[in-house]
Every structure is written in structure tokens, then in C-alpha cells.
């Protein structure tokens, strides 16, 4: 099994669709900006289940996020007839980093009262 984490900005608003069994899927893309001298990598992402419906309103263009999940590939031919490979992430975890959004999410943090309270 592979696992990847990507930090970047959402480049396409989430769109809710439903599988043939009626499960919701929020599809969106994340731009992984690697620096001003390098091109961004655009990752297609899919978040499944109840979280897809509840988080879709926050997954809007420009929102800073960190996502993690498993990667799969998708072979296709673009509009110019060139064979391409796309990378898709089946999202397991989403962390909103603040910034844009239809509603500004509250940042959540866990604070330990003392070093003895840290769970690891």
C-alpha cells in the first residue's frame, strides 16, 4: 500500500457526485507549488463518505490544505492525441490550513497542559 501527503492550495472547487451505490464523493484538485522556479503539480483528489458532503463547502479554490491518502494512476489521451498519465489521490485525511473558504474554519489544536500529558 502506498501513502502520500500533499500540501498546497485547492485549484478546483469540490464537486459532489454519488457512486452507483449512493455514496457521496467530493472531487477536487490540489496544486502542489514547489517553488517559484518550478511548475506546480496538480493532483486530482477524491474524498468519500459523509465527510465528502460535510467538507465540500470548505474545499474551494484557493483554500490551503494538506491531504493524505493512497495514489492511483489514470492513463488517458488528451485532446491533442497525446498519451498521458494522471495521478489521483483517494483522500483519507484532510487538514484545512486557513485562508479562503465559504466559511472560515476554526483552526483546531491539541494543547497539553504539561509535557506529561503528551500522548506519545
N, C-alpha and C. Protein backbone atom coordinates (compact mmCIF):
# COMPACT_ATOMS: atom_id res chain seq x y z
N UNK A 1 0.85 -1.18 0.00
CA UNK A 1 0.00 0.00 0.00
C UNK A 1 0.89 1.24 0.00
N UNK A 2 0.50 2.25 -0.75
CA UNK A 2 1.24 3.50 -0.77
C UNK A 2 0.45 4.58 -0.06
N UNK A 3 1.14 5.53 0.53
CA UNK A 3 0.50 6.66 1.20
C UNK A 3 1.29 7.91 0.83
N UNK A 4 0.57 9.00 0.54
CA UNK A 4 1.21 10.25 0.16
C UNK A 4 0.53 11.39 0.90
N UNK A 5 1.31 12.41 1.22
CA UNK A 5 0.78 13.64 1.81
C UNK A 5 1.15 14.79 0.89
N UNK A 6 0.18 15.66 0.61
CA UNK A 6 0.37 16.80 -0.27
C UNK A 6 -0.12 18.05 0.46
N UNK A 7 0.70 19.09 0.44
CA UNK A 7 0.30 20.40 0.96
C UNK A 7 0.24 21.36 -0.21
N UNK A 8 -0.84 22.10 -0.31
CA UNK A 8 -0.98 23.05 -1.40
C UNK A 8 -2.30 23.78 -1.30
N UNK A 9 -2.70 24.37 -2.43
CA UNK A 9 -3.96 25.09 -2.48
C UNK A 9 -4.91 24.39 -3.43
N UNK A 10 -6.17 24.41 -3.07
CA UNK A 10 -7.18 23.80 -3.93
C UNK A 10 -7.27 24.64 -5.21
N UNK A 11 -7.19 23.96 -6.34
CA UNK A 11 -7.20 24.65 -7.63
C UNK A 11 -8.53 24.49 -8.37
N UNK A 12 -9.40 23.65 -7.84
CA UNK A 12 -10.73 23.46 -8.43
C UNK A 12 -11.69 23.14 -7.29
N UNK A 13 -12.79 23.88 -7.21
CA UNK A 13 -13.79 23.66 -6.17
C UNK A 13 -14.24 22.20 -6.14
N UNK A 14 -14.53 21.73 -4.94
CA UNK A 14 -15.03 20.37 -4.80
C UNK A 14 -16.40 20.24 -5.48
N UNK A 15 -16.58 19.11 -6.12
CA UNK A 15 -17.85 18.79 -6.77
C UNK A 15 -18.34 17.47 -6.19
N UNK A 16 -19.54 17.48 -5.65
CA UNK A 16 -20.10 16.26 -5.06
C UNK A 16 -20.77 15.43 -6.15
N UNK A 17 -20.41 14.17 -6.17
CA UNK A 17 -21.06 13.18 -7.04
C UNK A 17 -21.41 11.99 -6.18
N UNK A 18 -22.14 11.06 -6.73
CA UNK A 18 -22.55 9.88 -5.98
C UNK A 18 -22.19 8.62 -6.75
N UNK A 19 -21.69 7.63 -6.03
CA UNK A 19 -21.37 6.36 -6.66
C UNK A 19 -22.67 5.65 -7.02
N UNK A 20 -22.56 4.54 -7.73
CA UNK A 20 -23.76 3.78 -8.10
C UNK A 20 -24.49 3.24 -6.87
N UNK A 21 -23.77 3.11 -5.76
CA UNK A 21 -24.40 2.64 -4.51
C UNK A 21 -24.92 3.79 -3.65
N UNK A 22 -24.78 5.04 -4.15
CA UNK A 22 -25.30 6.20 -3.44
C UNK A 22 -24.34 6.86 -2.46
N UNK A 23 -23.09 6.40 -2.43
CA UNK A 23 -22.11 7.01 -1.53
C UNK A 23 -21.59 8.32 -2.12
N UNK A 24 -21.52 9.39 -1.31
CA UNK A 24 -21.02 10.66 -1.82
C UNK A 24 -19.51 10.67 -2.02
N UNK A 25 -19.07 11.41 -3.06
CA UNK A 25 -17.65 11.60 -3.34
C UNK A 25 -17.46 13.08 -3.66
N UNK A 26 -16.51 13.72 -2.97
CA UNK A 26 -16.15 15.10 -3.29
C UNK A 26 -14.87 15.06 -4.11
N UNK A 27 -14.95 15.46 -5.37
CA UNK A 27 -13.79 15.50 -6.26
C UNK A 27 -13.28 16.94 -6.34
N UNK A 28 -11.96 17.12 -6.16
CA UNK A 28 -11.35 18.44 -6.24
C UNK A 28 -9.89 18.24 -6.65
N UNK A 29 -9.18 19.33 -6.89
CA UNK A 29 -7.76 19.21 -7.23
C UNK A 29 -6.94 20.13 -6.33
N UNK A 30 -5.69 19.72 -6.11
CA UNK A 30 -4.77 20.47 -5.25
C UNK A 30 -3.52 20.78 -6.06
N UNK A 31 -3.10 22.05 -6.01
CA UNK A 31 -1.87 22.48 -6.66
C UNK A 31 -0.74 22.42 -5.64
N UNK A 32 0.25 21.61 -5.94
CA UNK A 32 1.44 21.45 -5.10
C UNK A 32 2.50 22.39 -5.66
N UNK A 33 2.61 23.58 -5.09
CA UNK A 33 3.57 24.58 -5.57
C UNK A 33 4.94 24.27 -5.00
N UNK A 34 5.87 23.94 -5.87
CA UNK A 34 7.19 23.51 -5.43
C UNK A 34 8.21 24.63 -5.38
N UNK A 35 7.79 25.84 -5.57
CA UNK A 35 8.71 26.97 -5.56
C UNK A 35 8.47 27.84 -6.78
N UNK A 36 8.96 29.07 -6.74
CA UNK A 36 8.65 29.99 -7.83
C UNK A 36 9.36 29.65 -9.14
N UNK A 37 10.41 28.85 -9.09
CA UNK A 37 11.12 28.48 -10.31
C UNK A 37 10.70 27.13 -10.87
N UNK A 38 9.74 26.48 -10.22
CA UNK A 38 9.29 25.16 -10.67
C UNK A 38 7.79 25.20 -10.94
N UNK A 39 7.37 24.34 -11.85
CA UNK A 39 5.94 24.25 -12.15
C UNK A 39 5.20 23.54 -11.04
N UNK A 40 3.96 23.94 -10.83
CA UNK A 40 3.11 23.28 -9.84
C UNK A 40 2.69 21.91 -10.37
N UNK A 41 2.49 20.99 -9.46
CA UNK A 41 1.94 19.68 -9.80
C UNK A 41 0.48 19.71 -9.35
N UNK A 42 -0.43 19.33 -10.24
CA UNK A 42 -1.85 19.32 -9.92
C UNK A 42 -2.28 17.89 -9.64
N UNK A 43 -2.84 17.68 -8.47
CA UNK A 43 -3.28 16.36 -8.03
C UNK A 43 -4.81 16.32 -7.99
N UNK A 44 -5.40 15.31 -8.63
CA UNK A 44 -6.83 15.07 -8.53
C UNK A 44 -7.08 14.32 -7.24
N UNK A 45 -8.08 14.75 -6.49
CA UNK A 45 -8.35 14.15 -5.19
C UNK A 45 -9.82 13.79 -5.07
N UNK A 46 -10.08 12.70 -4.36
CA UNK A 46 -11.45 12.26 -4.10
C UNK A 46 -11.61 11.91 -2.63
N UNK A 47 -12.56 12.56 -1.99
CA UNK A 47 -12.89 12.30 -0.58
C UNK A 47 -14.24 11.60 -0.55
N UNK A 48 -14.30 10.46 0.11
CA UNK A 48 -15.50 9.62 0.08
C UNK A 48 -16.26 9.65 1.40
N UNK A 49 -17.56 9.35 1.32
CA UNK A 49 -18.38 9.17 2.50
C UNK A 49 -18.99 10.46 3.03
N UNK A 50 -19.46 10.39 4.27
CA UNK A 50 -20.15 11.53 4.89
C UNK A 50 -19.27 12.77 4.96
N UNK A 51 -17.96 12.56 5.15
CA UNK A 51 -17.05 13.72 5.21
C UNK A 51 -17.05 14.48 3.90
N UNK A 52 -17.28 13.80 2.79
CA UNK A 52 -17.32 14.46 1.49
C UNK A 52 -18.40 15.52 1.46
N UNK A 53 -19.58 15.17 1.93
CA UNK A 53 -20.69 16.12 1.94
C UNK A 53 -20.47 17.25 2.94
N UNK A 54 -19.95 16.92 4.11
CA UNK A 54 -19.81 17.95 5.14
C UNK A 54 -18.63 18.89 4.88
N UNK A 55 -17.58 18.43 4.22
CA UNK A 55 -16.41 19.27 3.97
C UNK A 55 -16.42 19.97 2.63
N UNK A 56 -17.30 19.58 1.72
CA UNK A 56 -17.29 20.14 0.36
C UNK A 56 -17.38 21.66 0.36
N UNK A 57 -18.14 22.25 1.27
CA UNK A 57 -18.28 23.71 1.27
C UNK A 57 -16.99 24.42 1.65
N UNK A 58 -16.05 23.71 2.28
CA UNK A 58 -14.77 24.30 2.65
C UNK A 58 -13.69 24.04 1.59
N UNK A 59 -13.93 23.10 0.71
CA UNK A 59 -12.94 22.71 -0.30
C UNK A 59 -13.14 23.54 -1.55
N UNK A 60 -12.75 24.81 -1.47
CA UNK A 60 -12.97 25.75 -2.56
C UNK A 60 -11.63 26.27 -3.08
N UNK A 61 -11.65 26.75 -4.30
CA UNK A 61 -10.44 27.24 -4.96
C UNK A 61 -9.72 28.25 -4.07
N UNK A 62 -8.42 28.03 -3.89
CA UNK A 62 -7.59 28.94 -3.09
C UNK A 62 -7.38 28.49 -1.67
N UNK A 63 -8.23 27.61 -1.15
CA UNK A 63 -8.11 27.12 0.23
C UNK A 63 -6.82 26.32 0.40
N UNK A 64 -6.01 26.67 1.39
CA UNK A 64 -4.80 25.91 1.68
C UNK A 64 -5.18 24.64 2.44
N UNK A 65 -4.66 23.50 1.99
CA UNK A 65 -4.97 22.21 2.61
C UNK A 65 -3.73 21.33 2.65
N UNK A 66 -3.79 20.36 3.52
CA UNK A 66 -2.87 19.23 3.47
C UNK A 66 -3.75 17.99 3.40
N UNK A 67 -3.50 17.16 2.40
CA UNK A 67 -4.27 15.93 2.26
C UNK A 67 -3.32 14.74 2.31
N UNK A 68 -3.84 13.61 2.75
CA UNK A 68 -3.06 12.38 2.66
C UNK A 68 -4.00 11.26 2.24
N UNK A 69 -3.42 10.30 1.54
CA UNK A 69 -4.22 9.19 1.06
C UNK A 69 -3.39 8.27 0.18
N UNK A 70 -4.07 7.44 -0.58
CA UNK A 70 -3.40 6.49 -1.46
C UNK A 70 -3.45 7.00 -2.90
N UNK A 71 -2.41 6.65 -3.65
CA UNK A 71 -2.27 7.14 -5.03
C UNK A 71 -2.62 6.04 -6.02
N UNK A 72 -3.31 6.43 -7.07
CA UNK A 72 -3.55 5.52 -8.20
C UNK A 72 -3.27 6.31 -9.48
N UNK A 73 -3.06 5.61 -10.57
CA UNK A 73 -2.80 6.27 -11.84
C UNK A 73 -3.98 6.10 -12.78
N UNK A 74 -4.06 7.01 -13.72
CA UNK A 74 -5.14 7.01 -14.70
C UNK A 74 -4.51 7.34 -16.05
N UNK A 75 -4.50 6.36 -16.98
CA UNK A 75 -3.96 6.61 -18.32
C UNK A 75 -5.08 7.15 -19.21
N UNK A 76 -4.73 8.20 -19.96
CA UNK A 76 -5.72 8.79 -20.86
C UNK A 76 -5.02 9.46 -22.04
N UNK A 77 -5.80 9.82 -23.04
CA UNK A 77 -5.30 10.54 -24.19
C UNK A 77 -5.88 11.95 -24.14
N UNK A 78 -5.01 12.96 -24.19
CA UNK A 78 -5.50 14.34 -24.09
C UNK A 78 -6.15 14.78 -25.40
N UNK A 79 -6.63 16.01 -25.44
CA UNK A 79 -7.36 16.50 -26.61
C UNK A 79 -6.48 16.62 -27.86
N UNK A 80 -5.14 16.59 -27.67
CA UNK A 80 -4.21 16.65 -28.80
C UNK A 80 -3.74 15.27 -29.24
N UNK A 81 -4.32 14.22 -28.66
CA UNK A 81 -3.96 12.86 -29.03
C UNK A 81 -2.71 12.32 -28.35
N UNK A 82 -2.23 13.01 -27.34
CA UNK A 82 -1.02 12.59 -26.62
C UNK A 82 -1.41 11.72 -25.42
N UNK A 83 -0.74 10.56 -25.31
CA UNK A 83 -0.99 9.69 -24.16
C UNK A 83 -0.42 10.33 -22.90
N UNK A 84 -1.23 10.35 -21.84
CA UNK A 84 -0.83 10.97 -20.57
C UNK A 84 -1.14 10.02 -19.42
N UNK A 85 -0.52 10.30 -18.29
CA UNK A 85 -0.82 9.58 -17.06
C UNK A 85 -1.20 10.61 -16.01
N UNK A 86 -2.35 10.43 -15.39
CA UNK A 86 -2.79 11.30 -14.30
C UNK A 86 -2.66 10.56 -12.98
N UNK A 87 -2.43 11.33 -11.94
CA UNK A 87 -2.31 10.75 -10.60
C UNK A 87 -3.48 11.20 -9.75
N UNK A 88 -4.14 10.25 -9.14
CA UNK A 88 -5.31 10.52 -8.31
C UNK A 88 -5.03 10.11 -6.87
N UNK A 89 -5.54 10.88 -5.94
CA UNK A 89 -5.40 10.55 -4.53
C UNK A 89 -6.77 10.26 -3.95
N UNK A 90 -6.90 9.06 -3.37
CA UNK A 90 -8.10 8.73 -2.60
C UNK A 90 -7.81 9.23 -1.19
N UNK A 91 -8.45 10.33 -0.82
CA UNK A 91 -8.13 11.06 0.41
C UNK A 91 -8.63 10.32 1.64
N UNK A 92 -7.71 10.13 2.58
CA UNK A 92 -8.06 9.57 3.89
C UNK A 92 -8.18 10.67 4.94
N UNK A 93 -7.32 11.69 4.86
CA UNK A 93 -7.30 12.78 5.82
C UNK A 93 -7.18 14.12 5.11
N UNK A 94 -7.90 15.12 5.65
CA UNK A 94 -7.85 16.49 5.13
C UNK A 94 -7.60 17.41 6.31
N UNK A 95 -6.66 18.34 6.15
CA UNK A 95 -6.43 19.38 7.16
C UNK A 95 -6.56 20.72 6.46
N UNK A 96 -7.54 21.52 6.86
CA UNK A 96 -7.71 22.86 6.32
C UNK A 96 -6.70 23.76 7.00
N UNK A 97 -5.97 24.54 6.21
CA UNK A 97 -4.89 25.35 6.77
C UNK A 97 -5.26 26.81 6.93
N UNK A 98 -6.52 27.14 6.86
CA UNK A 98 -6.92 28.54 6.92
C UNK A 98 -6.96 29.12 5.53
N UNK A 99 -7.12 30.42 5.41
CA UNK A 99 -7.17 31.04 4.10
C UNK A 99 -8.58 31.13 3.58
N UNK A 100 -8.75 30.91 2.28
CA UNK A 100 -10.06 31.07 1.66
C UNK A 100 -11.01 29.96 2.06
N UNK A 101 -12.27 30.18 1.79
CA UNK A 101 -13.30 29.18 2.06
C UNK A 101 -14.63 29.87 2.20
N UNK A 102 -15.72 29.17 1.94
CA UNK A 102 -17.04 29.79 2.04
C UNK A 102 -17.37 30.13 3.49
N UNK A 103 -16.84 29.38 4.39
CA UNK A 103 -16.93 29.66 5.82
C UNK A 103 -15.54 29.44 6.36
N UNK A 104 -15.05 30.36 7.16
CA UNK A 104 -13.69 30.21 7.66
C UNK A 104 -13.66 29.16 8.75
N UNK A 105 -12.95 28.08 8.53
CA UNK A 105 -12.87 27.04 9.56
C UNK A 105 -12.03 27.49 10.73
N UNK A 106 -12.39 27.04 11.90
CA UNK A 106 -11.60 27.31 13.09
C UNK A 106 -10.42 26.37 13.08
N UNK A 107 -9.23 26.90 13.34
CA UNK A 107 -8.09 26.01 13.45
C UNK A 107 -8.21 25.25 14.74
N UNK A 108 -7.96 23.96 14.66
CA UNK A 108 -8.04 23.11 15.83
C UNK A 108 -6.65 22.73 16.26
N UNK A 109 -6.40 22.81 17.52
CA UNK A 109 -5.11 22.35 18.01
C UNK A 109 -5.32 21.63 19.33
N UNK A 110 -4.42 20.71 19.58
CA UNK A 110 -4.46 19.97 20.84
C UNK A 110 -3.38 20.56 21.71
N UNK A 111 -3.74 21.00 22.90
CA UNK A 111 -2.77 21.58 23.80
C UNK A 111 -2.62 20.70 25.02
N UNK A 112 -1.42 20.37 25.31
CA UNK A 112 -1.15 19.59 26.52
C UNK A 112 -0.84 20.58 27.64
N UNK A 113 -1.36 20.33 28.82
CA UNK A 113 -1.10 21.20 29.96
C UNK A 113 0.33 21.07 30.45
N UNK A 114 0.90 19.90 30.30
CA UNK A 114 2.30 19.70 30.67
C UNK A 114 2.89 18.65 29.76
N UNK A 115 4.18 18.49 29.80
CA UNK A 115 4.84 17.51 28.96
C UNK A 115 4.37 16.10 29.26
N UNK A 116 3.91 15.86 30.48
CA UNK A 116 3.41 14.53 30.85
C UNK A 116 2.10 14.19 30.18
N UNK A 117 1.38 15.22 29.68
CA UNK A 117 0.09 14.99 29.03
C UNK A 117 0.22 14.64 27.56
N UNK A 118 1.41 14.77 26.99
CA UNK A 118 1.59 14.46 25.58
C UNK A 118 1.45 12.95 25.40
N UNK A 119 0.56 12.50 24.47
CA UNK A 119 0.25 11.08 24.34
C UNK A 119 1.32 10.22 23.68
N UNK A 120 2.45 10.75 23.31
CA UNK A 120 3.47 9.93 22.66
C UNK A 120 4.82 10.17 23.26
